[in-house]
Amino acid sequence: MKRSDPRSARSARGFTLIELLLALALLTMLVTALLTFVFSMGEIWGRGGDKRLFEQHVNAVTRHVESLLRRAAWPRGAAGVEEPFAVEEVRTTAGAKADLVGFDLLDGDRLLEWPEFPLPEVRCHLAQEGERGLVLYWQSHLEEDAERQPPPRAVVISPFVAKLACAYYDAAGRSWRTEPALRKNSNGEWLLPDRLILTFKHGGFETTRELTLPAGGGGLPAF
């Protein structure tokens, strides 16, 4: 009579209780390790989400303001003027007056919301206003009441811009000087900065971006 193989008999019986318990313990350890990894990665991703969104906002705002400066054109009746940028007094939404860097946009901009249809030849001014952030004041030269100097409209470009500083290049000393506001020369005339420095703040995040005022601007003079 042929003797049966004990191993085949064992396989026929299936797994023992001890083997099942060991398999269950190993499976539990693997699932626990996997869940720990997933939750830890989710926590890391969540903590970095705010930072990524902040950086995306900073980059988008920086690119748009750079685009505004590149498209700056000489204002109307500005024959003989060397630059499309100028420091001008503007009445702000708070009712006060402020000296701001101004420039013209021949075709306006997508941020400017018009009551009817878009008008060209828009005069713009950049300002930082406390908790409001970076503000763009604007008004078209073609508006009917433009000559009466009404308060310009205002649009907030970014609520996270906490500071707007000015950087001046000293050609003699070959060095840069950063000022918290616009400065004047010895004759009391306003000096245009070579760069504008935006400081963005949100929660525990803070970063700066430097924007160069293009020499000569990107538009054509209006003769």
Protein backbone atom coordinates (compact mmCIF):
# COMPACT_ATOMS: atom_id res chain seq x y z
CA MET A 1 0.00 0.00 0.00
CA LYS A 2 1.32 3.43 -1.03
CA ARG A 3 2.09 5.70 1.87
CA SER A 4 0.73 9.24 1.65
CA ASP A 5 3.04 12.27 1.75
CA PRO A 6 2.52 14.20 5.01
CA ARG A 7 3.17 17.51 3.18
CA SER A 8 0.36 16.87 0.71
CA ALA A 9 -1.93 15.98 3.57
CA ARG A 10 -1.01 19.22 5.30
CA SER A 11 -1.72 21.30 2.23
CA ALA A 12 -5.05 19.56 1.89
CA ARG A 13 -5.96 20.52 5.45
CA GLY A 14 -5.19 24.22 4.74
CA PHE A 15 -3.45 26.71 7.05
CA THR A 16 -3.19 26.16 10.76
CA LEU A 17 -4.47 28.69 13.27
CA ILE A 18 -0.93 29.87 14.08
CA GLU A 19 -0.17 30.47 10.40
CA LEU A 20 -3.38 32.46 9.99
CA LEU A 21 -2.56 34.58 13.02
CA LEU A 22 0.96 35.26 11.72
CA ALA A 23 -0.40 36.21 8.30
CA LEU A 24 -2.99 38.50 9.90
CA ALA A 25 -0.32 40.14 12.07
CA LEU A 26 1.94 40.75 9.06
CA LEU A 27 -0.99 42.18 7.07
CA THR A 28 -1.91 44.48 9.98
CA MET A 29 1.67 45.75 10.19
CA LEU A 30 1.79 46.43 6.46
CA VAL A 31 -1.55 48.28 6.47
CA THR A 32 -0.49 50.33 9.52
CA ALA A 33 2.80 51.28 7.86
CA LEU A 34 1.01 52.22 4.63
CA LEU A 35 -1.59 54.36 6.44
CA THR A 36 1.13 56.08 8.47
CA PHE A 37 3.00 56.89 5.26
CA VAL A 38 -0.13 58.20 3.51
CA PHE A 39 -1.21 60.38 6.45
CA SER A 40 2.31 61.76 6.94
CA MET A 41 2.57 62.63 3.25
CA GLY A 42 -0.87 64.25 3.38
CA GLU A 43 0.20 66.33 6.37
CA ILE A 44 3.40 67.42 4.64
CA TRP A 45 1.47 68.22 1.45
CA GLY A 46 -1.12 70.20 3.40
CA ARG A 47 1.52 72.23 5.21
CA GLY A 48 3.21 73.05 1.91
CA GLY A 49 -0.05 73.86 0.12
CA ASP A 50 -0.38 77.37 1.57
CA LYS A 51 3.22 78.15 0.67
CA ARG A 52 2.77 76.98 -2.90
CA LEU A 53 -0.39 79.04 -3.32
CA PHE A 54 1.36 82.08 -1.86
CA GLU A 55 4.30 81.67 -4.26
CA GLN A 56 1.95 81.25 -7.21
CA HIS A 57 0.16 84.48 -6.25
CA VAL A 58 3.45 86.35 -5.85
CA ASN A 59 4.71 85.18 -9.24
CA ALA A 60 1.44 86.02 -10.99
CA VAL A 61 1.27 89.52 -9.49
CA THR A 62 4.94 90.17 -10.27
CA ARG A 63 4.51 89.13 -13.91
CA HIS A 64 1.42 91.31 -14.31
CA VAL A 65 2.98 94.43 -12.80
CA GLU A 66 6.08 93.87 -14.95
CA SER A 67 3.75 93.72 -17.96
CA LEU A 68 2.14 97.04 -16.95
CA LEU A 69 5.54 98.72 -16.68
CA ARG A 70 6.74 97.31 -20.01
CA ARG A 71 3.61 98.62 -21.75
CA ALA A 72 3.97 102.10 -20.30
CA ALA A 73 3.65 104.77 -23.01
CA TRP A 74 4.44 108.46 -23.17
CA PRO A 75 1.45 110.51 -21.95
CA ARG A 76 -0.47 112.88 -24.20
CA GLY A 77 1.38 116.06 -25.10
CA ALA A 78 4.65 114.70 -23.75
CA ALA A 79 6.91 115.69 -26.66
CA GLY A 80 10.49 116.07 -25.48
CA VAL A 81 9.93 113.95 -22.37
CA GLU A 82 12.67 111.34 -21.92
CA GLU A 83 10.58 108.83 -20.03
CA PRO A 84 6.98 107.64 -19.87
CA PHE A 85 7.10 107.48 -16.06
CA ALA A 86 6.54 110.48 -13.80
CA VAL A 87 5.87 111.19 -10.13
CA GLU A 88 2.49 112.88 -9.72
CA GLU A 89 0.12 113.87 -6.95
CA VAL A 90 -2.95 111.65 -6.77
CA ARG A 91 -6.07 111.88 -4.66
CA THR A 92 -6.49 108.48 -3.01
CA THR A 93 -9.69 106.72 -1.98
CA ALA A 94 -9.04 107.79 1.61
CA GLY A 95 -9.37 111.43 0.53
CA ALA A 96 -5.71 112.24 1.09
CA LYS A 97 -3.14 113.14 -1.57
CA ALA A 98 -0.09 111.04 -2.31
CA ASP A 99 2.88 111.33 -4.67
CA LEU A 100 2.92 108.19 -6.81
CA VAL A 101 4.73 106.81 -9.85
CA GLY A 102 2.45 107.27 -12.86
CA PHE A 103 2.38 106.01 -16.44
CA ASP A 104 -0.01 105.69 -19.39
CA LEU A 105 -1.43 102.51 -20.91
CA LEU A 106 -2.59 103.07 -24.49
CA ASP A 107 -4.92 100.03 -24.48
CA GLY A 108 -5.86 99.82 -20.82
CA ASP A 109 -5.61 96.51 -18.96
CA ARG A 110 -7.79 93.51 -18.10
CA LEU A 111 -7.84 94.53 -14.42
CA LEU A 112 -9.63 97.78 -15.22
CA GLU A 113 -13.41 97.39 -15.01
CA TRP A 114 -15.21 100.01 -17.08
CA PRO A 115 -18.85 100.98 -16.58
CA GLU A 116 -19.62 100.71 -20.32
CA PHE A 117 -16.88 99.94 -22.86
CA PRO A 118 -13.09 100.14 -22.41
CA LEU A 119 -11.44 103.44 -23.19
CA PRO A 120 -7.80 103.77 -24.28
CA GLU A 121 -5.16 106.18 -22.99
CA VAL A 122 -5.45 105.29 -19.33
CA ARG A 123 -3.34 107.11 -16.74
CA CYS A 124 -2.23 104.73 -13.96
CA HIS A 125 -0.51 105.13 -10.60
CA LEU A 126 0.85 102.44 -8.26
CA ALA A 127 0.45 102.71 -4.49
CA GLN A 128 0.67 100.60 -1.36
CA GLU A 129 -2.13 101.34 1.08
CA GLY A 130 -1.89 99.58 4.42
CA GLU A 131 -4.11 96.53 4.65
CA ARG A 132 -5.52 97.07 1.14
CA GLY A 133 -2.19 96.06 -0.37
CA LEU A 134 -0.97 97.05 -3.82
CA VAL A 135 -3.47 99.41 -5.48
CA LEU A 136 -3.62 100.66 -9.06
CA TYR A 137 -5.29 104.04 -9.54
CA TRP A 138 -6.50 104.70 -13.07
CA GLN A 139 -8.47 107.08 -15.27
CA SER A 140 -8.78 107.56 -19.02
CA HIS A 141 -7.79 110.86 -20.62
CA LEU A 142 -10.87 110.47 -22.86
CA GLU A 143 -13.48 110.52 -20.10
CA GLU A 144 -15.84 113.47 -20.32
CA ASP A 145 -15.08 114.78 -16.85
CA ALA A 146 -11.35 113.98 -16.91
CA GLU A 147 -10.48 117.69 -16.98
CA ARG A 148 -12.30 118.27 -13.68
CA GLN A 149 -9.82 115.97 -11.96
CA PRO A 150 -12.30 113.66 -10.18
CA PRO A 151 -10.87 110.99 -7.89
CA PRO A 152 -9.46 108.17 -10.04
CA ARG A 153 -10.82 104.67 -9.84
CA ALA A 154 -8.86 102.10 -7.85
CA VAL A 155 -8.34 98.36 -8.17
CA VAL A 156 -6.48 96.16 -5.69
CA ILE A 157 -3.81 94.16 -7.52
CA SER A 158 -2.74 92.17 -4.44
CA PRO A 159 -3.84 92.38 -0.79
CA PHE A 160 -0.58 90.68 0.25
CA VAL A 161 1.79 93.51 -0.74
CA ALA A 162 2.82 94.99 2.62
CA LYS A 163 5.52 97.38 1.34
CA LEU A 164 6.38 99.26 -1.84
CA ALA A 165 9.97 100.52 -1.65
CA CYS A 166 12.13 102.35 -4.19
CA ALA A 167 15.67 101.42 -5.23
CA TYR A 168 18.02 104.05 -6.69
CA TYR A 169 21.30 103.31 -8.42
CA ASP A 170 24.26 105.56 -7.59
CA ALA A 171 26.40 105.54 -10.73
CA ALA A 172 29.26 107.39 -9.01
CA GLY A 173 29.48 104.97 -6.11
CA ARG A 174 28.29 102.00 -8.18
CA SER A 175 25.88 101.02 -5.43
CA TRP A 176 22.17 100.67 -4.78
CA ARG A 177 20.20 102.61 -2.21
CA THR A 178 16.78 101.46 -1.08
CA GLU A 179 14.27 104.03 0.20
CA PRO A 180 10.89 103.36 1.85
CA ALA A 181 9.38 106.07 -0.38
CA LEU A 182 10.15 108.30 -3.36
CA ARG A 183 12.99 110.76 -2.90
CA LYS A 184 13.89 114.19 -4.29
CA ASN A 185 17.13 115.65 -5.56
CA SER A 186 18.92 118.69 -4.16
CA ASN A 187 16.66 120.97 -6.25
CA GLY A 188 13.53 119.51 -4.71
CA GLU A 189 12.58 117.60 -7.86
CA TRP A 190 11.22 114.08 -7.69
CA LEU A 191 13.57 111.31 -8.72
CA LEU A 192 12.21 108.27 -10.49
CA PRO A 193 13.45 105.04 -8.91
CA ASP A 194 15.35 102.55 -11.02
CA ARG A 195 13.48 99.68 -9.39
CA LEU A 196 10.34 99.10 -7.36
CA ILE A 197 10.60 96.55 -4.56
CA LEU A 198 7.43 94.73 -3.55
CA THR A 199 7.30 92.94 -0.19
CA PHE A 200 4.63 90.26 0.01
CA LYS A 201 3.38 88.98 3.39
CA HIS A 202 0.76 86.38 4.25
CA GLY A 203 0.64 84.54 7.57
CA GLY A 204 4.16 83.34 8.27
CA PHE A 205 5.29 83.75 4.65
CA GLU A 206 7.23 86.74 3.35
CA THR A 207 9.14 87.40 0.14
CA THR A 208 10.29 90.32 -2.01
CA ARG A 209 10.34 90.96 -5.74
CA GLU A 210 12.26 93.67 -7.60
CA LEU A 211 10.75 95.28 -10.70
CA THR A 212 12.85 97.39 -13.04
CA LEU A 213 11.35 100.53 -14.56
CA PRO A 214 12.13 100.04 -18.27
CA ALA A 215 14.20 102.84 -19.76
CA GLY A 216 12.06 104.59 -22.33
CA GLY A 217 9.04 102.35 -21.70
CA GLY A 218 7.37 99.96 -24.10
CA GLY A 219 4.96 102.30 -25.87
CA LEU A 220 5.31 105.03 -28.49
CA PRO A 221 5.34 108.75 -27.68
CA ALA A 222 2.11 110.59 -28.41
CA PHE A 223 2.92 113.45 -30.80
